[in-house]
PDB file of N, CA and C in Angstrom:
ATOM      1  N   ASP A   1       0.827  -1.199   0.000  1.00  0.00           N
ATOM      2  CA  ASP A   1       0.000   0.000   0.000  1.00  0.00           C
ATOM      3  C   ASP A   1       0.862   1.249   0.000  1.00  0.00           C
ATOM      4  N   GLN A   2       0.349   2.283  -0.595  1.00  0.00           N
ATOM      5  CA  GLN A   2       1.055   3.557  -0.580  1.00  0.00           C
ATOM      6  C   GLN A   2       0.942   4.160   0.812  1.00  0.00           C
ATOM      7  N   ASP A   3       1.897   4.999   1.140  1.00  0.00           N
ATOM      8  CA  ASP A   3       1.864   5.643   2.445  1.00  0.00           C
ATOM      9  C   ASP A   3       0.737   6.673   2.470  1.00  0.00           C
ATOM     10  N   ASP A   4      -0.196   6.484   3.365  1.00  0.00           N
ATOM     11  CA  ASP A   4      -1.318   7.409   3.508  1.00  0.00           C
ATOM     12  C   ASP A   4      -1.239   8.179   4.820  1.00  0.00           C
ATOM     13  N   GLY A   5      -0.072   8.071   5.477  1.00  0.00           N
ATOM     14  CA  GLY A   5       0.101   8.729   6.762  1.00  0.00           C
ATOM     15  C   GLY A   5      -0.375   7.870   7.918  1.00  0.00           C
ATOM     16  N   ALA A   6      -0.939   6.714   7.594  1.00  0.00           N
ATOM     17  CA  ALA A   6      -1.419   5.803   8.644  1.00  0.00           C
ATOM     18  C   ALA A   6      -0.956   4.377   8.353  1.00  0.00           C
ATOM     19  N   GLY A   7       0.189   4.259   7.699  1.00  0.00           N
ATOM     20  CA  GLY A   7       0.733   2.938   7.403  1.00  0.00           C
ATOM     21  C   GLY A   7      -0.095   2.141   6.412  1.00  0.00           C
ATOM     22  N   GLY A   8      -0.864   2.810   5.589  1.00  0.00           N
ATOM     23  CA  GLY A   8      -1.698   2.134   4.595  1.00  0.00           C
ATOM     24  C   GLY A   8      -3.081   1.786   5.106  1.00  0.00           C
ATOM     25  N   ALA A   9      -3.361   2.014   6.387  1.00  0.00           N
ATOM     26  CA  ALA A   9      -4.649   1.627   6.973  1.00  0.00           C
ATOM     27  C   ALA A   9      -5.824   2.371   6.330  1.00  0.00           C
ATOM     28  N   LEU A  10      -5.658   3.645   6.069  1.00  0.00           N
ATOM     29  CA  LEU A  10      -6.756   4.423   5.481  1.00  0.00           C
ATOM     30  C   LEU A  10      -7.096   3.925   4.082  1.00  0.00           C
ATOM     31  N   LEU A  11      -6.089   3.583   3.303  1.00  0.00           N
ATOM     32  CA  LEU A  11      -6.335   3.062   1.957  1.00  0.00           C
ATOM     33  C   LEU A  11      -7.019   1.705   2.007  1.00  0.00           C
ATOM     34  N   ARG A  12      -6.656   0.855   2.965  1.00  0.00           N
ATOM     35  CA  ARG A  12      -7.311  -0.448   3.105  1.00  0.00           C
ATOM     36  C   ARG A  12      -8.786  -0.272   3.473  1.00  0.00           C
ATOM     37  N   VAL A  13      -9.090   0.654   4.361  1.00  0.00           N
ATOM     38  CA  VAL A  13     -10.483   0.923   4.734  1.00  0.00           C
ATOM     39  C   VAL A  13     -11.259   1.430   3.525  1.00  0.00           C
ATOM     40  N   LEU A  14     -10.678   2.315   2.758  1.00  0.00           N
ATOM     41  CA  LEU A  14     -11.344   2.853   1.578  1.00  0.00           C
ATOM     42  C   LEU A  14     -11.616   1.754   0.554  1.00  0.00           C
ATOM     43  N   ARG A  15     -10.640   0.865   0.335  1.00  0.00           N
ATOM     44  CA  ARG A  15     -10.833  -0.228  -0.626  1.00  0.00           C
ATOM     45  C   ARG A  15     -11.923  -1.194  -0.180  1.00  0.00           C
ATOM     46  N   ALA A  16     -11.962  -1.522   1.104  1.00  0.00           N
ATOM     47  CA  ALA A  16     -12.916  -2.510   1.609  1.00  0.00           C
ATOM     48  C   ALA A  16     -14.305  -1.933   1.837  1.00  0.00           C
ATOM     49  N   ASN A  17     -14.394  -0.658   2.205  1.00  0.00           N
ATOM     50  CA  ASN A  17     -15.677  -0.076   2.594  1.00  0.00           C
ATOM     51  C   ASN A  17     -16.143   1.071   1.717  1.00  0.00           C
ATOM     52  N   GLY A  18     -15.329   1.457   0.747  1.00  0.00           N
ATOM     53  CA  GLY A  18     -15.683   2.586  -0.104  1.00  0.00           C
ATOM     54  C   GLY A  18     -16.864   2.286  -0.997  1.00  0.00           C
ATOM     55  N   LEU A  19     -17.726   3.253  -1.144  1.00  0.00           N
ATOM     56  CA  LEU A  19     -18.904   3.140  -2.002  1.00  0.00           C
ATOM     57  C   LEU A  19     -18.730   4.059  -3.202  1.00  0.00           C
ATOM     58  N   GLN A  20     -18.974   3.516  -4.369  1.00  0.00           N
ATOM     59  CA  GLN A  20     -18.838   4.305  -5.592  1.00  0.00           C
ATOM     60  C   GLN A  20     -20.131   5.072  -5.841  1.00  0.00           C
ATOM     61  N   SER A  21     -20.006   6.355  -6.089  1.00  0.00           N
ATOM     62  CA  SER A  21     -21.146   7.173  -6.493  1.00  0.00           C
ATOM     63  C   SER A  21     -20.729   7.935  -7.745  1.00  0.00           C
ATOM     64  N   LEU A  22     -21.630   8.704  -8.265  1.00  0.00           N
ATOM     65  CA  LEU A  22     -21.317   9.501  -9.454  1.00  0.00           C
ATOM     66  C   LEU A  22     -20.283  10.580  -9.144  1.00  0.00           C
ATOM     67  N   GLN A  23     -20.100  10.905  -7.861  1.00  0.00           N
ATOM     68  CA  GLN A  23     -19.166  11.950  -7.440  1.00  0.00           C
ATOM     69  C   GLN A  23     -17.792  11.402  -7.058  1.00  0.00           C
ATOM     70  N   GLY A  24     -17.664  10.062  -6.926  1.00  0.00           N
ATOM     71  CA  GLY A  24     -16.393   9.462  -6.519  1.00  0.00           C
ATOM     72  C   GLY A  24     -16.627   8.372  -5.492  1.00  0.00           C
ATOM     73  N   THR A  25     -15.626   8.115  -4.675  1.00  0.00           N
ATOM     74  CA  THR A  25     -15.694   7.071  -3.657  1.00  0.00           C
ATOM     75  C   THR A  25     -15.794   7.703  -2.279  1.00  0.00           C
ATOM     76  N   SER A  26     -16.660   7.136  -1.441  1.00  0.00           N
ATOM     77  CA  SER A  26     -16.796   7.655  -0.085  1.00  0.00           C
ATOM     78  C   SER A  26     -17.012   6.500   0.884  1.00  0.00           C
ATOM     79  N   VAL A  27     -16.748   6.751   2.140  1.00  0.00           N
ATOM     80  CA  VAL A  27     -17.049   5.811   3.206  1.00  0.00           C
ATOM     81  C   VAL A  27     -18.162   6.451   4.021  1.00  0.00           C
ATOM     82  N   CYS A  28     -19.298   5.764   4.092  1.00  0.00           N
ATOM     83  CA  CYS A  28     -20.470   6.302   4.786  1.00  0.00           C
ATOM     84  C   CYS A  28     -20.593   5.667   6.167  1.00  0.00           C
ATOM     85  N   HIS A  29     -20.998   6.460   7.121  1.00  0.00           N
ATOM     86  CA  HIS A  29     -21.057   6.031   8.530  1.00  0.00           C
ATOM     87  C   HIS A  29     -21.896   4.770   8.720  1.00  0.00           C
ATOM     88  N   VAL A  30     -23.063   4.693   8.103  1.00  0.00           N
ATOM     89  CA  VAL A  30     -23.957   3.559   8.322  1.00  0.00           C
ATOM     90  C   VAL A  30     -23.894   2.561   7.165  1.00  0.00           C
ATOM     91  N   ILE A  31     -24.094   3.016   5.951  1.00  0.00           N
ATOM     92  CA  ILE A  31     -24.194   2.107   4.801  1.00  0.00           C
ATOM     93  C   ILE A  31     -22.914   1.310   4.590  1.00  0.00           C
ATOM     94  N   SER A  32     -21.772   1.879   4.834  1.00  0.00           N
ATOM     95  CA  SER A  32     -20.502   1.169   4.628  1.00  0.00           C
ATOM     96  C   SER A  32     -20.339  -0.002   5.588  1.00  0.00           C
ATOM     97  N   ARG A  33     -21.183  -0.073   6.606  1.00  0.00           N
ATOM     98  CA  ARG A  33     -21.086  -1.153   7.588  1.00  0.00           C
ATOM     99  C   ARG A  33     -22.024  -2.318   7.267  1.00  0.00           C
ATOM    100  N   ALA A  34     -22.771  -2.226   6.171  1.00  0.00           N
ATOM    101  CA  ALA A  34     -23.692  -3.309   5.797  1.00  0.00           C
ATOM    102  C   ALA A  34     -22.903  -4.575   5.492  1.00  0.00           C
ATOM    103  N   ASN A  35     -23.407  -5.692   5.957  1.00  0.00           N
ATOM    104  CA  ASN A  35     -22.758  -6.972   5.725  1.00  0.00           C
ATOM    105  C   ASN A  35     -23.158  -7.551   4.369  1.00  0.00           C
ATOM    106  N   HIS A  36     -22.360  -8.533   3.938  1.00  0.00           N
ATOM    107  CA  HIS A  36     -22.532  -9.159   2.632  1.00  0.00           C
ATOM    108  C   HIS A  36     -23.376 -10.425   2.711  1.00  0.00           C
ATOM    109  N   SER A  37     -24.112 -10.675   1.643  1.00  0.00           N
ATOM    110  CA  SER A  37     -24.759 -11.964   1.402  1.00  0.00           C
ATOM    111  C   SER A  37     -24.809 -12.170  -0.104  1.00  0.00           C
ATOM    112  N   CYS A  38     -24.683 -13.420  -0.526  1.00  0.00           N
ATOM    113  CA  CYS A  38     -24.838 -13.742  -1.951  1.00  0.00           C
ATOM    114  C   CYS A  38     -26.318 -13.844  -2.314  1.00  0.00           C
ATOM    115  N   ARG A  39     -27.197 -13.664  -1.327  1.00  0.00           N
ATOM    116  CA  ARG A  39     -28.634 -13.530  -1.542  1.00  0.00           C
ATOM    117  C   ARG A  39     -29.080 -12.295  -0.758  1.00  0.00           C
ATOM    118  N   PRO A  40     -28.711 -11.109  -1.261  1.00  0.00           N
ATOM    119  CA  PRO A  40     -28.967  -9.875  -0.509  1.00  0.00           C
ATOM    120  C   PRO A  40     -30.459  -9.546  -0.418  1.00  0.00           C
ATOM    121  N   ASN A  41     -30.809  -8.812   0.636  1.00  0.00           N
ATOM    122  CA  ASN A  41     -32.187  -8.335   0.762  1.00  0.00           C
ATOM    123  C   ASN A  41     -32.267  -6.831   0.517  1.00  0.00           C
ATOM    124  N   ALA A  42     -31.137  -6.224   0.154  1.00  0.00           N
ATOM    125  CA  ALA A  42     -31.091  -4.791  -0.144  1.00  0.00           C
ATOM    126  C   ALA A  42     -29.970  -4.528  -1.146  1.00  0.00           C
ATOM    127  N   THR A  43     -30.018  -3.361  -1.760  1.00  0.00           N
ATOM    128  CA  THR A  43     -28.963  -2.972  -2.691  1.00  0.00           C
ATOM    129  C   THR A  43     -28.687  -1.484  -2.535  1.00  0.00           C
ATOM    130  N   LEU A  44     -27.551  -1.069  -3.017  1.00  0.00           N
ATOM    131  CA  LEU A  44     -27.174   0.340  -2.973  1.00  0.00           C
ATOM    132  C   LEU A  44     -27.470   0.966  -4.328  1.00  0.00           C
ATOM    133  N   ARG A  45     -28.012   2.174  -4.304  1.00  0.00           N
ATOM    134  CA  ARG A  45     -28.330   2.880  -5.548  1.00  0.00           C
ATOM    135  C   ARG A  45     -27.749   4.291  -5.490  1.00  0.00           C
ATOM    136  N   PRO A  46     -26.746   4.568  -6.348  1.00  0.00           N
ATOM    137  CA  PRO A  46     -26.196   5.926  -6.380  1.00  0.00           C
ATOM    138  C   PRO A  46     -27.206   6.893  -7.014  1.00  0.00           C
ATOM    139  N   GLU A  47     -27.315   8.057  -6.437  1.00  0.00           N
ATOM    140  CA  GLU A  47     -28.219   9.097  -6.928  1.00  0.00           C
ATOM    141  C   GLU A  47     -27.417  10.151  -7.682  1.00  0.00           C
ATOM    142  N   VAL A  48     -28.065  10.877  -8.559  1.00  0.00           N
ATOM    143  CA  VAL A  48     -27.411  11.935  -9.334  1.00  0.00           C
ATOM    144  C   VAL A  48     -26.804  12.986  -8.408  1.00  0.00           C
ATOM    145  N   SER A  49     -27.423  13.211  -7.267  1.00  0.00           N
ATOM    146  CA  SER A  49     -26.946  14.214  -6.307  1.00  0.00           C
ATOM    147  C   SER A  49     -25.623  13.815  -5.647  1.00  0.00           C
ATOM    148  N   GLY A  50     -25.241  12.545  -5.796  1.00  0.00           N
ATOM    149  CA  GLY A  50     -24.057  12.046  -5.116  1.00  0.00           C
ATOM    150  C   GLY A  50     -24.402  11.221  -3.893  1.00  0.00           C
ATOM    151  N   ALA A  51     -25.663  11.288  -3.465  1.00  0.00           N
ATOM    152  CA  ALA A  51     -26.117  10.479  -2.330  1.00  0.00           C
ATOM    153  C   ALA A  51     -26.169   9.012  -2.748  1.00  0.00           C
ATOM    154  N   ILE A  52     -26.157   8.128  -1.774  1.00  0.00           N
ATOM    155  CA  ILE A  52     -26.298   6.705  -2.026  1.00  0.00           C
ATOM    156  C   ILE A  52     -27.494   6.215  -1.226  1.00  0.00           C
ATOM    157  N   SER A  53     -28.466   5.634  -1.916  1.00  0.00           N
ATOM    158  CA  SER A  53     -29.667   5.124  -1.253  1.00  0.00           C
ATOM    159  C   SER A  53     -29.530   3.631  -1.003  1.00  0.00           C
ATOM    160  N   LEU A  54     -30.062   3.184   0.110  1.00  0.00           N
ATOM    161  CA  LEU A  54     -30.144   1.776   0.444  1.00  0.00           C
ATOM    162  C   LEU A  54     -31.584   1.365   0.160  1.00  0.00           C
ATOM    163  N   VAL A  55     -31.774   0.433  -0.779  1.00  0.00           N
ATOM    164  CA  VAL A  55     -33.103   0.069  -1.253  1.00  0.00           C
ATOM    165  C   VAL A  55     -33.376  -1.404  -0.945  1.00  0.00           C
ATOM    166  N   ALA A  56     -34.506  -1.685  -0.301  1.00  0.00           N
ATOM    167  CA  ALA A  56     -34.880  -3.066   0.017  1.00  0.00           C
ATOM    168  C   ALA A  56     -35.252  -3.813  -1.254  1.00  0.00           C
ATOM    169  N   LEU A  57     -34.800  -5.064  -1.361  1.00  0.00           N
ATOM    170  CA  LEU A  57     -35.151  -5.938  -2.480  1.00  0.00           C
ATOM    171  C   LEU A  57     -36.274  -6.898  -2.091  1.00  0.00           C
ATOM    172  N   THR A  58     -36.465  -7.072  -0.794  1.00  0.00           N
ATOM    173  CA  THR A  58     -37.513  -7.938  -0.269  1.00  0.00           C
ATOM    174  C   THR A  58     -38.184  -7.201   0.885  1.00  0.00           C
ATOM    175  N   LYS A  59     -39.315  -7.741   1.317  1.00  0.00           N
ATOM    176  CA  LYS A  59     -39.981  -7.147   2.478  1.00  0.00           C
ATOM    177  C   LYS A  59     -39.123  -7.414   3.713  1.00  0.00           C
ATOM    178  N   LEU A  60     -38.832  -6.366   4.457  1.00  0.00           N
ATOM    179  CA  LEU A  60     -38.018  -6.473   5.663  1.00  0.00           C
ATOM    180  C   LEU A  60     -38.895  -6.256   6.886  1.00  0.00           C
ATOM    181  N   GLU A  61     -38.638  -7.062   7.896  1.00  0.00           N
ATOM    182  CA  GLU A  61     -39.346  -6.928   9.170  1.00  0.00           C
ATOM    183  C   GLU A  61     -38.428  -6.232  10.163  1.00  0.00           C
ATOM    184  N   ALA A  62     -39.015  -5.635  11.179  1.00  0.00           N
ATOM    185  CA  ALA A  62     -38.216  -5.003  12.233  1.00  0.00           C
ATOM    186  C   ALA A  62     -37.251  -6.037  12.811  1.00  0.00           C
ATOM    187  N   GLY A  63     -35.989  -5.660  12.926  1.00  0.00           N
ATOM    188  CA  GLY A  63     -34.974  -6.549  13.473  1.00  0.00           C
ATOM    189  C   GLY A  63     -34.225  -7.363  12.429  1.00  0.00           C
ATOM    190  N   ASP A  64     -34.696  -7.392  11.165  1.00  0.00           N
ATOM    191  CA  ASP A  64     -33.982  -8.112  10.107  1.00  0.00           C
ATOM    192  C   ASP A  64     -32.645  -7.438   9.842  1.00  0.00           C
ATOM    193  N   GLU A  65     -31.615  -8.252   9.643  1.00  0.00           N
ATOM    194  CA  GLU A  65     -30.324  -7.698   9.241  1.00  0.00           C
ATOM    195  C   GLU A  65     -30.405  -7.285   7.784  1.00  0.00           C
ATOM    196  N   ILE A  66     -29.935  -6.095   7.478  1.00  0.00           N
ATOM    197  CA  ILE A  66     -29.908  -5.623   6.091  1.00  0.00           C
ATOM    198  C   ILE A  66     -28.610  -6.114   5.467  1.00  0.00           C
ATOM    199  N   LEU A  67     -28.742  -6.877   4.376  1.00  0.00           N
ATOM    200  CA  LEU A  67     -27.600  -7.490   3.710  1.00  0.00           C
ATOM    201  C   LEU A  67     -27.531  -7.033   2.268  1.00  0.00           C
ATOM    202  N   ILE A  68     -26.353  -6.600   1.870  1.00  0.00           N
ATOM    203  CA  ILE A  68     -26.108  -6.215   0.486  1.00  0.00           C
ATOM    204  C   ILE A  68     -25.096  -7.195  -0.098  1.00  0.00           C
ATOM    205  N   SER A  69     -24.901  -7.150  -1.393  1.00  0.00           N
ATOM    206  CA  SER A  69     -23.846  -7.955  -1.993  1.00  0.00           C
ATOM    207  C   SER A  69     -22.663  -7.064  -2.289  1.00  0.00           C
ATOM    208  N   TYR A  70     -21.489  -7.527  -1.914  1.00  0.00           N
ATOM    209  CA  TYR A  70     -20.263  -6.815  -2.263  1.00  0.00           C
ATOM    210  C   TYR A  70     -19.869  -7.123  -3.697  1.00  0.00           C
ATOM    211  N   LEU A  71     -20.489  -8.138  -4.283  1.00  0.00           N
ATOM    212  CA  LEU A  71     -20.167  -8.568  -5.640  1.00  0.00           C
ATOM    213  C   LEU A  71     -21.078  -7.886  -6.647  1.00  0.00           C
ATOM    214  N   SER A  72     -20.652  -7.919  -7.901  1.00  0.00           N
ATOM    215  CA  SER A  72     -21.483  -7.378  -8.981  1.00  0.00           C
ATOM    216  C   SER A  72     -22.650  -8.322  -9.242  1.00  0.00           C
ATOM    217  N   GLY A  73     -23.660  -7.835  -9.925  1.00  0.00           N
ATOM    218  CA  GLY A  73     -24.788  -8.676 -10.309  1.00  0.00           C
ATOM    219  C   GLY A  73     -24.337  -9.864 -11.141  1.00  0.00           C
ATOM    220  N   GLU A  74     -23.366  -9.634 -12.006  1.00  0.00           N
ATOM    221  CA  GLU A  74     -22.827 -10.714 -12.834  1.00  0.00           C
ATOM    222  C   GLU A  74     -22.145 -11.778 -11.968  1.00  0.00           C
ATOM    223  N   ASP A  75     -21.361 -11.348 -10.989  1.00  0.00           N
ATOM    224  CA  ASP A  75     -20.680 -12.297 -10.104  1.00  0.00           C
ATOM    225  C   ASP A  75     -21.674 -13.121  -9.290  1.00  0.00           C
ATOM    226  N   LEU A  76     -22.820 -12.541  -8.947  1.00  0.00           N
ATOM    227  CA  LEU A  76     -23.814 -13.281  -8.171  1.00  0.00           C
ATOM    228  C   LEU A  76     -24.420 -14.443  -8.954  1.00  0.00           C
ATOM    229  N   LEU A  77     -24.278 -14.420 -10.280  1.00  0.00           N
ATOM    230  CA  LEU A  77     -24.786 -15.513 -11.115  1.00  0.00           C
ATOM    231  C   LEU A  77     -23.801 -16.669 -11.222  1.00  0.00           C
ATOM    232  N   ARG A  78     -22.617 -16.492 -10.702  1.00  0.00           N
ATOM    233  CA  ARG A  78     -21.559 -17.502 -10.813  1.00  0.00           C
ATOM    234  C   ARG A  78     -21.662 -18.547  -9.698  1.00  0.00           C
ATOM    235  N   PRO A  79     -21.004 -19.699  -9.889  1.00  0.00           N
ATOM    236  CA  PRO A  79     -21.012 -20.747  -8.862  1.00  0.00           C
ATOM    237  C   PRO A  79     -20.382 -20.276  -7.552  1.00  0.00           C
ATOM    238  N   THR A  80     -20.722 -20.987  -6.486  1.00  0.00           N
ATOM    239  CA  THR A  80     -20.243 -20.645  -5.141  1.00  0.00           C
ATOM    240  C   THR A  80     -18.731 -20.487  -5.099  1.00  0.00           C
ATOM    241  N   TRP A  81     -17.993 -21.435  -5.664  1.00  0.00           N
ATOM    242  CA  TRP A  81     -16.527 -21.388  -5.548  1.00  0.00           C
ATOM    243  C   TRP A  81     -15.961 -20.139  -6.201  1.00  0.00           C
ATOM    244  N   ILE A  82     -16.578 -19.653  -7.271  1.00  0.00           N
ATOM    245  CA  ILE A  82     -16.087 -18.435  -7.931  1.00  0.00           C
ATOM    246  C   ILE A  82     -16.433 -17.212  -7.085  1.00  0.00           C
ATOM    247  N   ARG A  83     -17.642 -17.165  -6.530  1.00  0.00           N
ATOM    248  CA  ARG A  83     -18.015 -16.031  -5.662  1.00  0.00           C
ATOM    249  C   ARG A  83     -17.085 -15.966  -4.456  1.00  0.00           C
ATOM    250  N   ARG A  84     -16.841 -17.119  -3.852  1.00  0.00           N
ATOM    251  CA  ARG A  84     -15.950 -17.150  -2.683  1.00  0.00           C
ATOM    252  C   ARG A  84     -14.539 -16.715  -3.046  1.00  0.00           C
ATOM    253  N   LYS A  85     -14.073 -17.144  -4.200  1.00  0.00           N
ATOM    254  CA  LYS A  85     -12.725 -16.756  -4.649  1.00  0.00           C
ATOM    255  C   LYS A  85     -12.633 -15.240  -4.826  1.00  0.00           C
ATOM    256  N   GLU A  86     -13.660 -14.645  -5.414  1.00  0.00           N
ATOM    257  CA  GLU A  86     -13.671 -13.195  -5.634  1.00  0.00           C
ATOM    258  C   GLU A  86     -13.673 -12.439  -4.298  1.00  0.00           C
ATOM    259  N   LEU A  87     -14.462 -12.912  -3.344  1.00  0.00           N
ATOM    260  CA  LEU A  87     -14.512 -12.250  -2.034  1.00  0.00           C
ATOM    261  C   LEU A  87     -13.204 -12.421  -1.265  1.00  0.00           C
ATOM    262  N   GLN A  88     -12.531 -13.542  -1.485  1.00  0.00           N
ATOM    263  CA  GLN A  88     -11.258 -13.794  -0.807  1.00  0.00           C
ATOM    264  C   GLN A  88     -10.138 -12.943  -1.396  1.00  0.00           C
ATOM    265  N   ARG A  89     -10.121 -12.795  -2.717  1.00  0.00           N
ATOM    266  CA  ARG A  89      -9.022 -12.074  -3.358  1.00  0.00           C
ATOM    267  C   ARG A  89      -9.280 -10.571  -3.448  1.00  0.00           C
ATOM    268  N   GLY A  90     -10.520 -10.151  -3.366  1.00  0.00           N
ATOM    269  CA  GLY A  90     -10.846  -8.730  -3.448  1.00  0.00           C
ATOM    270  C   GLY A  90     -10.413  -8.007  -2.177  1.00  0.00           C
ATOM    271  N   PRO A  91     -10.849  -6.788  -2.019  1.00  0.00           N
ATOM    272  CA  PRO A  91     -10.440  -6.013  -0.843  1.00  0.00           C
ATOM    273  C   PRO A  91     -11.045  -6.536   0.462  1.00  0.00           C
ATOM    274  N   TRP A  92     -12.012  -7.446   0.371  1.00  0.00           N
ATOM    275  CA  TRP A  92     -12.722  -7.893   1.573  1.00  0.00           C
ATOM    276  C   TRP A  92     -11.985  -9.009   2.299  1.00  0.00           C
ATOM    277  N   LYS A  93     -11.358  -9.907   1.563  1.00  0.00           N
ATOM    278  CA  LYS A  93     -10.515 -10.977   2.114  1.00  0.00           C
ATOM    279  C   LYS A  93     -11.225 -11.851   3.152  1.00  0.00           C
ATOM    280  N   PHE A  94     -12.387 -12.388   2.779  1.00  0.00           N
ATOM    281  CA  PHE A  94     -13.066 -13.338   3.665  1.00  0.00           C
ATOM    282  C   PHE A  94     -13.705 -14.446   2.840  1.00  0.00           C
ATOM    283  N   ARG A  95     -13.964 -15.561   3.502  1.00  0.00           N
ATOM    284  CA  ARG A  95     -14.637 -16.697   2.878  1.00  0.00           C
ATOM    285  C   ARG A  95     -16.114 -16.577   3.215  1.00  0.00           C
ATOM    286  N   CYS A  96     -16.937 -16.450   2.196  1.00  0.00           N
ATOM    287  CA  CYS A  96     -18.368 -16.245   2.422  1.00  0.00           C
ATOM    288  C   CYS A  96     -18.995 -17.488   3.042  1.00  0.00           C
ATOM    289  N   GLY A  97     -19.780 -17.270   4.078  1.00  0.00           N
ATOM    290  CA  GLY A  97     -20.496 -18.342   4.751  1.00  0.00           C
ATOM    291  C   GLY A  97     -21.983 -18.049   4.819  1.00  0.00           C
ATOM    292  N   CYS A  98     -22.472 -17.248   3.864  1.00  0.00           N
ATOM    293  CA  CYS A  98     -23.894 -16.901   3.859  1.00  0.00           C
ATOM    294  C   CYS A  98     -24.722 -18.163   3.583  1.00  0.00           C
ATOM    295  N   PRO A  99     -26.021 -18.150   3.878  1.00  0.00           N
ATOM    296  CA  PRO A  99     -26.860 -19.328   3.653  1.00  0.00           C
ATOM    297  C   PRO A  99     -26.798 -19.851   2.211  1.00  0.00           C
ATOM    298  N   ARG A 100     -26.713 -18.973   1.238  1.00  0.00           N
ATOM    299  CA  ARG A 100     -26.636 -19.426  -0.152  1.00  0.00           C
ATOM    300  C   ARG A 100     -25.352 -20.205  -0.400  1.00  0.00           C
ATOM    301  N   CYS A 101     -24.229 -19.735   0.133  1.00  0.00           N
ATOM    302  CA  CYS A 101     -22.950 -20.422  -0.077  1.00  0.00           C
ATOM    303  C   CYS A 101     -22.869 -21.733   0.699  1.00  0.00           C
ATOM    304  N   GLN A 102     -23.625 -21.857   1.768  1.00  0.00           N
ATOM    305  CA  GLN A 102     -23.616 -23.085   2.560  1.00  0.00           C
ATOM    306  C   GLN A 102     -24.551 -24.146   1.993  1.00  0.00           C
ATOM    307  N   ALA A 103     -25.481 -23.728   1.133  1.00  0.00           N
ATOM    308  CA  ALA A 103     -26.450 -24.659   0.541  1.00  0.00           C
ATOM    309  C   ALA A 103     -25.858 -25.307  -0.710  1.00  0.00           C
ATOM    310  N   ILE A 104     -26.595 -26.241  -1.292  1.00  0.00           N
ATOM    311  CA  ILE A 104     -26.195 -26.844  -2.564  1.00  0.00           C
ATOM    312  C   ILE A 104     -26.142 -25.735  -3.609  1.00  0.00           C
ATOM    313  N   ASP A 105     -25.093 -25.743  -4.426  1.00  0.00           N
ATOM    314  CA  ASP A 105     -24.888 -24.687  -5.423  1.00  0.00           C
ATOM    315  C   ASP A 105     -26.097 -24.598  -6.351  1.00  0.00           C
ATOM    316  N   ASP A 106     -26.657 -23.397  -6.492  1.00  0.00           N
ATOM    317  CA  ASP A 106     -27.857 -23.206  -7.293  1.00  0.00           C
ATOM    318  C   ASP A 106     -27.577 -22.649  -8.687  1.00  0.00           C
ATOM    319  N   THR A 107     -26.318 -22.701  -9.109  1.00  0.00           N
ATOM    320  CA  THR A 107     -25.965 -22.228 -10.452  1.00  0.00           C
ATOM    321  C   THR A 107     -25.676 -23.422 -11.350  1.00  0.00           C
ATOM    322  N   ARG A 108     -25.712 -23.176 -12.633  1.00  0.00           N
ATOM    323  CA  ARG A 108     -25.395 -24.250 -13.598  1.00  0.00           C
ATOM    324  C   ARG A 108     -24.266 -23.831 -14.465  1.00  0.00           C
TER     325      ARG A 108
END
C-alpha cells in the first residue's frame, strides 16, 4: 500500500468499505457497515446528487439484518466457488459463509 500517513490503513479501509457514487468514492457512517450476502435483501443505488440510497429488495421486518452484496450482479450468477474466490481475493478478504454459499450450489 502507498503511504497514507497511517501505514496504509486508510487506503485499506477505503478499498474494503468505499462506495462508488457519481461523485467518486466515499465511506459512509452507516451504509458502509452493511454486511454481505450472496442472496442480498437490499442494494445500494447511487443518486445523481451524489447520495447513495439503500433500497430493500424484499420485504423487511423489524430486526432483520440488512444485507447487500459486495459482488457485482454478474458475479452473483456464478457458482459458489467463484463467488468465494472473488470475495477472498478482493479487498474484503473473507470466505463467504452466507446461507446461499452453505447450501447446494444453485448455479449451472
